[in-house]
């Protein structure tokens, strides 16, 4: 046989062998289609296919971080907000991801956007701002159920930010300020009420034990003296003044009687 023909045959055989050898990484799977029919998923590692008969499609099994674009949502209480989110998902069934959907990443992105608008549109603004964890779980469950036939598992859905209109932000700021003033007034009123109760109890104790008033006078005198004031006030008990007044009144009445 002609050496040239032998060389051509050897070269063709070598090329076919190279085409038959496939290497799939640890985080990938190779889905094999033989004459258009699904054979199965292979990998990781090295394996062989039939050239010109088999077709291999690589599928990445790692977690994909999908940034959901900003969506304009009208909440249940007719407030327009801009919401964006992030979705974490991965392929758990590479065969379904190839056979049952054309582009599983694009399909997951679109279904995430639609679900985000639908779910948040059924929620009120206060719920969107205060119960975000509950909404995240709801979004994750709904999106995961819709992507499950495609072999895609949605693990986490997080609402990143909620943007309000300028007028709504001013209204909420005024509402928050009014709420803080209301709480401050209530706390002040409660403090006054508790102080009045304590003062009433103190007054009752002083009425029962007059010596406590003298002790209070002495304590006040010590506080004044500690401040190095040039003027010191000596408190005089009211009972002492009333005693002198009673004596004066008695003397005047006796004089009138004598006259």
Foldseek 3Di string as FASTA:
>chain_A
DDVVVVVVVVVVVVVQQVVFKDAADPQKWKFKAFQNHTDGIDDHGIGTDGPPGIDIDIFGFDKDKAKADWDFAQACVGFTKTWIKIWIKGAQGVVLLVPVDPHLNVVLNVVLRVLVRVLRNDHDPVCVVPVQVVSFVVSQVVSQVVCVSSRMHTDTMHTDDMGGDPVVVVVVVVVVVVVVVVVVVVVVVVVVVVVVVVVVVVVVVCVVPVVVVVVVQVVVQVVVVVVVDPDGDRDDDPVVVVVVVVVVVVVVVVVVVVD
